[in-house]
Protein backbone atom coordinates (compact mmCIF):
# COMPACT_ATOMS: atom_id res chain seq x y z
CA UNK A 1 111.83 95.04 -79.02
CA UNK A 2 113.28 94.06 -75.65
CA UNK A 3 112.85 95.63 -72.22
CA UNK A 4 115.99 97.27 -70.87
CA UNK A 5 115.15 96.44 -67.25
CA UNK A 6 114.02 92.79 -67.26
CA UNK A 7 114.92 91.63 -70.80
CA UNK A 8 111.38 90.50 -71.61
CA UNK A 9 110.10 90.52 -75.18
CA UNK A 10 106.51 91.14 -74.01
CA UNK A 11 106.51 94.84 -74.97
CA UNK A 12 103.61 96.88 -76.29
CA UNK A 13 103.87 100.26 -78.07
CA UNK A 14 101.25 102.90 -77.22
CA UNK A 15 100.50 106.41 -78.48
CA UNK A 16 99.95 108.83 -75.57
CA UNK A 17 98.61 112.38 -75.90
CA UNK A 18 100.41 114.72 -73.50
CA UNK A 19 99.49 118.34 -72.83
CA UNK A 20 102.19 120.95 -72.54
CA UNK A 21 101.69 124.07 -70.47
CA UNK A 22 103.06 127.45 -71.37
CA UNK A 23 106.18 128.55 -69.56
CA UNK A 24 106.26 131.54 -67.24
CA UNK A 25 108.51 133.50 -69.61
CA UNK A 26 106.10 132.96 -72.50
CA UNK A 27 103.18 134.25 -70.44
CA UNK A 28 105.28 137.22 -69.29
CA UNK A 29 106.17 138.01 -72.91
CA UNK A 30 102.50 137.88 -73.91
CA UNK A 31 101.59 140.24 -71.07
CA UNK A 32 104.29 142.71 -72.17
CA UNK A 33 103.09 142.50 -75.78
CA UNK A 34 99.53 143.30 -74.71
CA UNK A 35 100.60 146.91 -74.24
CA UNK A 36 101.46 147.26 -77.94
CA UNK A 37 98.11 147.74 -79.74
CA UNK A 38 98.34 145.61 -82.90
CA UNK A 39 100.74 142.95 -81.68
CA UNK A 40 98.86 142.86 -78.37
CA UNK A 41 95.71 141.45 -79.94
CA UNK A 42 97.71 138.69 -81.60
CA UNK A 43 99.43 137.93 -78.28
CA UNK A 44 96.08 137.87 -76.49
CA UNK A 45 94.71 135.40 -79.05
CA UNK A 46 97.76 133.14 -78.59
CA UNK A 47 97.50 133.33 -74.80
CA UNK A 48 93.82 132.41 -74.77
CA UNK A 49 94.28 129.55 -77.19
CA UNK A 50 95.03 127.15 -74.34
CA UNK A 51 97.32 124.18 -73.93
CA UNK A 52 99.04 122.33 -76.72
CA UNK A 53 98.67 118.60 -77.14
CA UNK A 54 101.59 116.46 -78.31
CA UNK A 55 101.29 112.79 -79.26
CA UNK A 56 104.27 110.65 -78.26
CA UNK A 57 104.96 106.96 -78.62
CA UNK A 58 105.90 104.91 -75.57
CA UNK A 59 106.89 101.26 -75.26
CA UNK A 60 105.57 99.55 -72.14
CA UNK A 61 106.90 96.24 -70.82
CA UNK A 62 103.95 94.04 -69.87
CA UNK A 63 106.07 92.02 -67.44
CA UNK A 64 107.70 94.65 -65.18
CA UNK A 65 105.85 97.86 -66.19
CA UNK A 66 108.95 99.72 -67.41
CA UNK A 67 108.08 102.55 -69.82
CA UNK A 68 110.37 104.34 -72.29
CA UNK A 69 109.93 106.70 -75.19
CA UNK A 70 110.17 105.24 -78.67
């Protein structure tokens, strides 16, 4: 693998865990669904569950520090 910026072959691949927040429309939808009794409890559970974690792979050039998604 070669760096796109400097052309170096000194590249290392790393797995990085990133957290994703909920969007404002998702939270608004959950709040609206709270007013419907049965579906509201499910929405409340999903809202309180927290942030989601996604693992992505990145290649990092050890020479210039350039980082890109693999």
